[in-house]
Amino acid sequence: MSVPAASDERGNDDLARKIAKLVEERGWNQEVFAKACRLNRHTVRQILHAGPQRRLRNATVRSCAEALGLTVNELRTLPLERLLPRMHGKPPADEEARKQLRSSATLPEFVAWLERNPDRADDFRADEITELLSMQEAGGAMERLGVEQCVENVERKRELLLQVKMIMSTEYIGLLEQVVDLVMHKINAGRQQQSPTPGRGPRVG
């Protein structure tokens, strides 16, 4: 009966080491990680430095996973080398989407960009590929803004969404809501100024 307990303890230690490495990769210190996952400092210190002395509770693992932008299943089951790109917002490689990108890129400037930047192209998600391909249409964004600017906009949006996801796991979610409300107010005000006011057409007679 001692073998399962020993196996469970090893798995617990491996999970703690995995979490510690991911936190290090984020560049977080103990205090920042404690705020991000909303755990007390003693628990965080135990995970990051001493290793767990007892089995990590499911709620603890879930809090760690959410703070790192992962699912509980990913954190528990995937090896570290597969977790690192996921944590940075890069999903598993989608070969079908890559084939679509290579076969559907027709704008010469976009084709040339893909040949010069294979690593950045490999980072595109399926939805980003669809968005970029739509930009190469005649009179589209790539003609107006240039390929590099369009790609940078997509990459910035990806990073911003990842940061928002991280903030939502902290006590700063209220501040995020205030910023979003302010920006949406400005967007809606701009739309109202551009839209003609109903019932104010030119008078006849």
C-alpha atoms as a PDB file:
ATOM      1  CA  MET A   1       0.000   0.000   0.000  1.00  0.00           C
ATOM      2  CA  SER A   2       3.018   2.321   0.353  1.00  0.00           C
ATOM      3  CA  VAL A   3       3.760   2.402  -3.390  1.00  0.00           C
ATOM      4  CA  PRO A   4       0.722   4.498  -4.415  1.00  0.00           C
ATOM      5  CA  ALA A   5       1.461   6.982  -1.629  1.00  0.00           C
ATOM      6  CA  ALA A   6       5.073   7.316  -2.773  1.00  0.00           C
ATOM      7  CA  SER A   7       3.941   7.677  -6.371  1.00  0.00           C
ATOM      8  CA  ASP A   8       1.435  10.376  -5.385  1.00  0.00           C
ATOM      9  CA  GLU A   9       4.144  12.239  -3.482  1.00  0.00           C
ATOM     10  CA  ARG A  10       6.488  12.166  -6.480  1.00  0.00           C
ATOM     11  CA  GLY A  11       3.708  13.445  -8.720  1.00  0.00           C
ATOM     12  CA  ASN A  12       3.014  16.218  -6.250  1.00  0.00           C
ATOM     13  CA  ASP A  13       6.675  17.224  -6.188  1.00  0.00           C
ATOM     14  CA  ASP A  14       6.836  17.181  -9.998  1.00  0.00           C
ATOM     15  CA  LEU A  15       3.765  19.413 -10.194  1.00  0.00           C
ATOM     16  CA  ALA A  16       5.259  21.895  -7.730  1.00  0.00           C
ATOM     17  CA  ARG A  17       8.525  22.019  -9.674  1.00  0.00           C
ATOM     18  CA  LYS A  18       6.579  22.538 -12.881  1.00  0.00           C
ATOM     19  CA  ILE A  19       4.653  25.441 -11.365  1.00  0.00           C
ATOM     20  CA  ALA A  20       7.848  26.965  -9.979  1.00  0.00           C
ATOM     21  CA  LYS A  21       9.506  26.820 -13.409  1.00  0.00           C
ATOM     22  CA  LEU A  22       6.508  28.412 -15.116  1.00  0.00           C
ATOM     23  CA  VAL A  23       6.438  31.198 -12.530  1.00  0.00           C
ATOM     24  CA  GLU A  24      10.157  31.775 -13.115  1.00  0.00           C
ATOM     25  CA  GLU A  25       9.549  31.888 -16.870  1.00  0.00           C
ATOM     26  CA  ARG A  26       6.894  34.548 -16.303  1.00  0.00           C
ATOM     27  CA  GLY A  27       9.428  36.637 -14.430  1.00  0.00           C
ATOM     28  CA  TRP A  28       7.211  36.739 -11.342  1.00  0.00           C
ATOM     29  CA  ASN A  29       8.502  36.839  -7.797  1.00  0.00           C
ATOM     30  CA  GLN A  30       6.736  35.159  -4.897  1.00  0.00           C
ATOM     31  CA  GLU A  31       4.612  38.196  -4.029  1.00  0.00           C
ATOM     32  CA  VAL A  32       3.406  38.785  -7.596  1.00  0.00           C
ATOM     33  CA  PHE A  33       2.495  35.123  -8.030  1.00  0.00           C
ATOM     34  CA  ALA A  34       0.616  35.095  -4.710  1.00  0.00           C
ATOM     35  CA  LYS A  35      -1.502  38.037  -5.895  1.00  0.00           C
ATOM     36  CA  ALA A  36      -2.056  36.526  -9.347  1.00  0.00           C
ATOM     37  CA  CYS A  37      -3.308  33.192  -8.028  1.00  0.00           C
ATOM     38  CA  ARG A  38      -4.922  34.647  -4.873  1.00  0.00           C
ATOM     39  CA  LEU A  39      -3.226  32.190  -2.518  1.00  0.00           C
ATOM     40  CA  ASN A  40      -1.633  32.945   0.836  1.00  0.00           C
ATOM     41  CA  ARG A  41       2.102  33.504   0.899  1.00  0.00           C
ATOM     42  CA  HIS A  42       2.801  30.390   2.958  1.00  0.00           C
ATOM     43  CA  THR A  43       1.244  28.128   0.321  1.00  0.00           C
ATOM     44  CA  VAL A  44       3.032  29.936  -2.495  1.00  0.00           C
ATOM     45  CA  ARG A  45       6.372  29.767  -0.666  1.00  0.00           C
ATOM     46  CA  GLN A  46       5.876  26.058  -0.113  1.00  0.00           C
ATOM     47  CA  ILE A  47       5.217  25.463  -3.818  1.00  0.00           C
ATOM     48  CA  LEU A  48       8.014  27.649  -5.159  1.00  0.00           C
ATOM     49  CA  HIS A  49      10.801  26.882  -2.727  1.00  0.00           C
ATOM     50  CA  ALA A  50      10.318  23.971  -0.358  1.00  0.00           C
ATOM     51  CA  GLY A  51       8.091  21.763  -2.481  1.00  0.00           C
ATOM     52  CA  PRO A  52       4.710  20.586  -1.171  1.00  0.00           C
ATOM     53  CA  GLN A  53       4.768  18.743   2.135  1.00  0.00           C
ATOM     54  CA  ARG A  54       1.274  17.438   1.447  1.00  0.00           C
ATOM     55  CA  ARG A  55      -0.944  16.839  -1.541  1.00  0.00           C
ATOM     56  CA  LEU A  56      -1.871  20.047  -3.341  1.00  0.00           C
ATOM     57  CA  ARG A  57      -5.602  20.686  -3.127  1.00  0.00           C
ATOM     58  CA  ASN A  58      -7.568  20.854  -6.362  1.00  0.00           C
ATOM     59  CA  ALA A  59      -8.527  24.462  -5.609  1.00  0.00           C
ATOM     60  CA  THR A  60      -4.845  25.362  -5.222  1.00  0.00           C
ATOM     61  CA  VAL A  61      -3.898  23.743  -8.520  1.00  0.00           C
ATOM     62  CA  ARG A  62      -6.819  25.477 -10.242  1.00  0.00           C
ATOM     63  CA  SER A  63      -5.744  28.874  -8.898  1.00  0.00           C
ATOM     64  CA  CYS A  64      -2.185  28.307 -10.104  1.00  0.00           C
ATOM     65  CA  ALA A  65      -3.367  27.160 -13.524  1.00  0.00           C
ATOM     66  CA  GLU A  66      -5.673  30.150 -14.019  1.00  0.00           C
ATOM     67  CA  ALA A  67      -2.944  32.591 -13.022  1.00  0.00           C
ATOM     68  CA  LEU A  68      -0.600  30.997 -15.570  1.00  0.00           C
ATOM     69  CA  GLY A  69      -3.203  31.020 -18.335  1.00  0.00           C
ATOM     70  CA  LEU A  70      -3.555  27.225 -18.412  1.00  0.00           C
ATOM     71  CA  THR A  71      -6.242  24.673 -17.693  1.00  0.00           C
ATOM     72  CA  VAL A  72      -5.946  22.348 -14.715  1.00  0.00           C
ATOM     73  CA  ASN A  73      -5.646  19.341 -17.009  1.00  0.00           C
ATOM     74  CA  GLU A  74      -2.851  20.995 -18.990  1.00  0.00           C
ATOM     75  CA  LEU A  75      -0.949  21.887 -15.842  1.00  0.00           C
ATOM     76  CA  ARG A  76      -1.279  18.407 -14.369  1.00  0.00           C
ATOM     77  CA  THR A  77      -0.628  16.275 -17.439  1.00  0.00           C
ATOM     78  CA  LEU A  78       1.513  18.117 -19.994  1.00  0.00           C
ATOM     79  CA  PRO A  79       5.319  18.237 -19.805  1.00  0.00           C
ATOM     80  CA  LEU A  80       7.012  21.572 -19.198  1.00  0.00           C
ATOM     81  CA  GLU A  81       8.231  21.969 -22.782  1.00  0.00           C
ATOM     82  CA  ARG A  82       4.632  21.871 -24.029  1.00  0.00           C
ATOM     83  CA  LEU A  83       3.332  24.172 -21.304  1.00  0.00           C
ATOM     84  CA  LEU A  84       5.752  27.031 -21.961  1.00  0.00           C
ATOM     85  CA  PRO A  85       4.378  27.999 -25.405  1.00  0.00           C
ATOM     86  CA  ARG A  86       0.783  27.573 -24.197  1.00  0.00           C
ATOM     87  CA  MET A  87       1.450  29.867 -21.258  1.00  0.00           C
ATOM     88  CA  HIS A  88       2.680  32.522 -23.688  1.00  0.00           C
ATOM     89  CA  GLY A  89      -0.546  32.331 -25.694  1.00  0.00           C
ATOM     90  CA  LYS A  90       0.689  30.026 -28.442  1.00  0.00           C
ATOM     91  CA  PRO A  91      -1.593  27.024 -28.938  1.00  0.00           C
ATOM     92  CA  PRO A  92      -0.438  23.642 -30.252  1.00  0.00           C
ATOM     93  CA  ALA A  93       0.692  23.787 -33.853  1.00  0.00           C
ATOM     94  CA  ASP A  94      -2.210  23.667 -36.306  1.00  0.00           C
ATOM     95  CA  GLU A  95      -0.733  22.165 -39.453  1.00  0.00           C
ATOM     96  CA  GLU A  96      -3.974  22.495 -41.406  1.00  0.00           C
ATOM     97  CA  ALA A  97      -4.094  26.223 -40.674  1.00  0.00           C
ATOM     98  CA  ARG A  98      -0.464  26.570 -41.745  1.00  0.00           C
ATOM     99  CA  LYS A  99      -1.212  24.779 -45.019  1.00  0.00           C
ATOM    100  CA  GLN A 100      -4.113  27.147 -45.590  1.00  0.00           C
ATOM    101  CA  LEU A 101      -1.830  30.122 -44.963  1.00  0.00           C
ATOM    102  CA  ARG A 102       0.777  28.904 -47.441  1.00  0.00           C
ATOM    103  CA  SER A 103      -1.763  28.012 -50.124  1.00  0.00           C
ATOM    104  CA  SER A 104      -4.025  31.060 -49.763  1.00  0.00           C
ATOM    105  CA  ALA A 105      -1.433  33.830 -49.414  1.00  0.00           C
ATOM    106  CA  THR A 106      -1.562  35.517 -52.822  1.00  0.00           C
ATOM    107  CA  LEU A 107      -0.493  39.111 -52.224  1.00  0.00           C
ATOM    108  CA  PRO A 108       3.183  39.206 -53.338  1.00  0.00           C
ATOM    109  CA  GLU A 109       4.237  41.378 -50.387  1.00  0.00           C
ATOM    110  CA  PHE A 110       2.555  38.972 -47.945  1.00  0.00           C
ATOM    111  CA  VAL A 111       4.132  35.922 -49.582  1.00  0.00           C
ATOM    112  CA  ALA A 112       7.541  37.590 -49.346  1.00  0.00           C
ATOM    113  CA  TRP A 113       6.928  38.443 -45.675  1.00  0.00           C
ATOM    114  CA  LEU A 114       6.079  34.819 -44.884  1.00  0.00           C
ATOM    115  CA  GLU A 115       9.308  33.672 -46.530  1.00  0.00           C
ATOM    116  CA  ARG A 116      11.362  36.171 -44.506  1.00  0.00           C
ATOM    117  CA  ASN A 117       9.641  35.473 -41.166  1.00  0.00           C
ATOM    118  CA  PRO A 118       8.921  31.727 -40.850  1.00  0.00           C
ATOM    119  CA  ASP A 119       9.169  31.755 -37.037  1.00  0.00           C
ATOM    120  CA  ARG A 120       6.610  34.532 -36.598  1.00  0.00           C
ATOM    121  CA  ALA A 121       4.351  32.880 -39.172  1.00  0.00           C
ATOM    122  CA  ASP A 122       4.430  29.631 -37.156  1.00  0.00           C
ATOM    123  CA  ASP A 123       3.027  31.521 -34.170  1.00  0.00           C
ATOM    124  CA  PHE A 124      -0.193  32.463 -35.958  1.00  0.00           C
ATOM    125  CA  ARG A 125      -3.348  30.823 -34.605  1.00  0.00           C
ATOM    126  CA  ALA A 126      -6.066  29.569 -36.922  1.00  0.00           C
ATOM    127  CA  ASP A 127      -8.288  32.613 -36.269  1.00  0.00           C
ATOM    128  CA  GLU A 128      -5.350  34.961 -36.872  1.00  0.00           C
ATOM    129  CA  ILE A 129      -4.592  33.261 -40.189  1.00  0.00           C
ATOM    130  CA  THR A 130      -8.190  33.764 -41.292  1.00  0.00           C
ATOM    131  CA  GLU A 131      -7.995  37.424 -40.287  1.00  0.00           C
ATOM    132  CA  LEU A 132      -4.705  38.011 -42.121  1.00  0.00           C
ATOM    133  CA  LEU A 133      -5.869  36.296 -45.298  1.00  0.00           C
ATOM    134  CA  SER A 134      -8.917  38.578 -45.395  1.00  0.00           C
ATOM    135  CA  MET A 135      -6.608  41.618 -45.187  1.00  0.00           C
ATOM    136  CA  GLN A 136      -4.877  40.838 -48.499  1.00  0.00           C
ATOM    137  CA  GLU A 137      -7.979  41.473 -50.598  1.00  0.00           C
ATOM    138  CA  ALA A 138      -7.870  44.300 -53.131  1.00  0.00           C
ATOM    139  CA  GLY A 139      -8.091  47.600 -51.284  1.00  0.00           C
ATOM    140  CA  GLY A 140      -7.723  45.767 -47.982  1.00  0.00           C
ATOM    141  CA  ALA A 141      -5.673  46.568 -44.915  1.00  0.00           C
ATOM    142  CA  MET A 142      -2.418  45.126 -46.262  1.00  0.00           C
ATOM    143  CA  GLU A 143      -2.504  47.477 -49.236  1.00  0.00           C
ATOM    144  CA  ARG A 144      -3.413  50.476 -47.097  1.00  0.00           C
ATOM    145  CA  LEU A 145      -1.206  49.836 -44.043  1.00  0.00           C
ATOM    146  CA  GLY A 146       1.432  47.429 -45.285  1.00  0.00           C
ATOM    147  CA  VAL A 147       1.983  43.786 -44.389  1.00  0.00           C
ATOM    148  CA  GLU A 148       4.275  44.412 -41.423  1.00  0.00           C
ATOM    149  CA  GLN A 149       1.824  46.794 -39.764  1.00  0.00           C
ATOM    150  CA  CYS A 150      -1.049  44.333 -40.202  1.00  0.00           C
ATOM    151  CA  VAL A 151       0.985  41.501 -38.693  1.00  0.00           C
ATOM    152  CA  GLU A 152       2.100  43.686 -35.786  1.00  0.00           C
ATOM    153  CA  ASN A 153      -1.525  44.609 -35.073  1.00  0.00           C
ATOM    154  CA  VAL A 154      -2.465  40.927 -34.908  1.00  0.00           C
ATOM    155  CA  GLU A 155       0.491  40.152 -32.640  1.00  0.00           C
ATOM    156  CA  ARG A 156      -0.304  43.092 -30.352  1.00  0.00           C
ATOM    157  CA  LYS A 157      -3.910  41.964 -30.045  1.00  0.00           C
ATOM    158  CA  ARG A 158      -2.752  38.462 -29.097  1.00  0.00           C
ATOM    159  CA  GLU A 159      -0.458  39.802 -26.385  1.00  0.00           C
ATOM    160  CA  LEU A 160      -3.127  42.195 -25.101  1.00  0.00           C
ATOM    161  CA  LEU A 161      -5.703  39.409 -24.801  1.00  0.00           C
ATOM    162  CA  LEU A 162      -3.183  37.326 -22.874  1.00  0.00           C
ATOM    163  CA  GLN A 163      -2.506  40.207 -20.478  1.00  0.00           C
ATOM    164  CA  VAL A 164      -6.232  40.796 -19.979  1.00  0.00           C
ATOM    165  CA  LYS A 165      -6.661  37.106 -19.161  1.00  0.00           C
ATOM    166  CA  MET A 166      -3.896  37.398 -16.562  1.00  0.00           C
ATOM    167  CA  ILE A 167      -5.428  40.522 -15.008  1.00  0.00           C
ATOM    168  CA  MET A 168      -8.799  38.785 -14.713  1.00  0.00           C
ATOM    169  CA  SER A 169      -7.180  36.321 -12.296  1.00  0.00           C
ATOM    170  CA  THR A 170      -6.048  39.101  -9.940  1.00  0.00           C
ATOM    171  CA  GLU A 171      -7.613  41.671  -7.643  1.00  0.00           C
ATOM    172  CA  TYR A 172      -7.138  44.280 -10.394  1.00  0.00           C
ATOM    173  CA  ILE A 173     -10.133  43.051 -12.395  1.00  0.00           C
ATOM    174  CA  GLY A 174     -12.181  45.981 -11.081  1.00  0.00           C
ATOM    175  CA  LEU A 175      -9.610  48.437 -12.434  1.00  0.00           C
ATOM    176  CA  LEU A 176      -9.694  46.598 -15.770  1.00  0.00           C
ATOM    177  CA  GLU A 177     -13.480  46.995 -15.887  1.00  0.00           C
ATOM    178  CA  GLN A 178     -13.155  50.737 -15.279  1.00  0.00           C
ATOM    179  CA  VAL A 179     -10.647  51.119 -18.129  1.00  0.00           C
ATOM    180  CA  VAL A 180     -12.824  49.063 -20.493  1.00  0.00           C
ATOM    181  CA  ASP A 181     -15.913  51.098 -19.569  1.00  0.00           C
ATOM    182  CA  LEU A 182     -14.035  54.346 -20.241  1.00  0.00           C
ATOM    183  CA  VAL A 183     -12.785  53.177 -23.635  1.00  0.00           C
ATOM    184  CA  MET A 184     -16.205  51.831 -24.649  1.00  0.00           C
ATOM    185  CA  HIS A 185     -17.796  55.150 -23.658  1.00  0.00           C
ATOM    186  CA  LYS A 186     -15.391  56.977 -25.991  1.00  0.00           C
ATOM    187  CA  ILE A 187     -16.035  54.485 -28.817  1.00  0.00           C
ATOM    188  CA  ASN A 188     -19.811  54.781 -28.488  1.00  0.00           C
ATOM    189  CA  ALA A 189     -19.606  58.579 -28.323  1.00  0.00           C
ATOM    190  CA  GLY A 190     -17.566  58.595 -31.528  1.00  0.00           C
ATOM    191  CA  ARG A 191     -20.091  56.367 -33.282  1.00  0.00           C
ATOM    192  CA  GLN A 192     -22.961  58.615 -32.249  1.00  0.00           C
ATOM    193  CA  GLN A 193     -21.175  61.664 -33.668  1.00  0.00           C
ATOM    194  CA  GLN A 194     -20.626  59.893 -36.988  1.00  0.00           C
ATOM    195  CA  SER A 195     -24.224  58.612 -37.271  1.00  0.00           C
ATOM    196  CA  PRO A 196     -26.882  61.027 -38.587  1.00  0.00           C
ATOM    197  CA  THR A 197     -29.514  61.934 -36.035  1.00  0.00           C
ATOM    198  CA  PRO A 198     -32.911  60.357 -36.937  1.00  0.00           C
ATOM    199  CA  GLY A 199     -35.641  62.835 -37.851  1.00  0.00           C
ATOM    200  CA  ARG A 200     -33.221  65.669 -38.715  1.00  0.00           C
ATOM    201  CA  GLY A 201     -33.193  65.402 -42.475  1.00  0.00           C
ATOM    202  CA  PRO A 202     -33.537  68.455 -44.680  1.00  0.00           C
ATOM    203  CA  ARG A 203     -36.917  70.211 -44.450  1.00  0.00           C
ATOM    204  CA  VAL A 204     -39.149  70.299 -47.513  1.00  0.00           C
ATOM    205  CA  GLY A 205     -41.257  73.388 -48.255  1.00  0.00           C
END
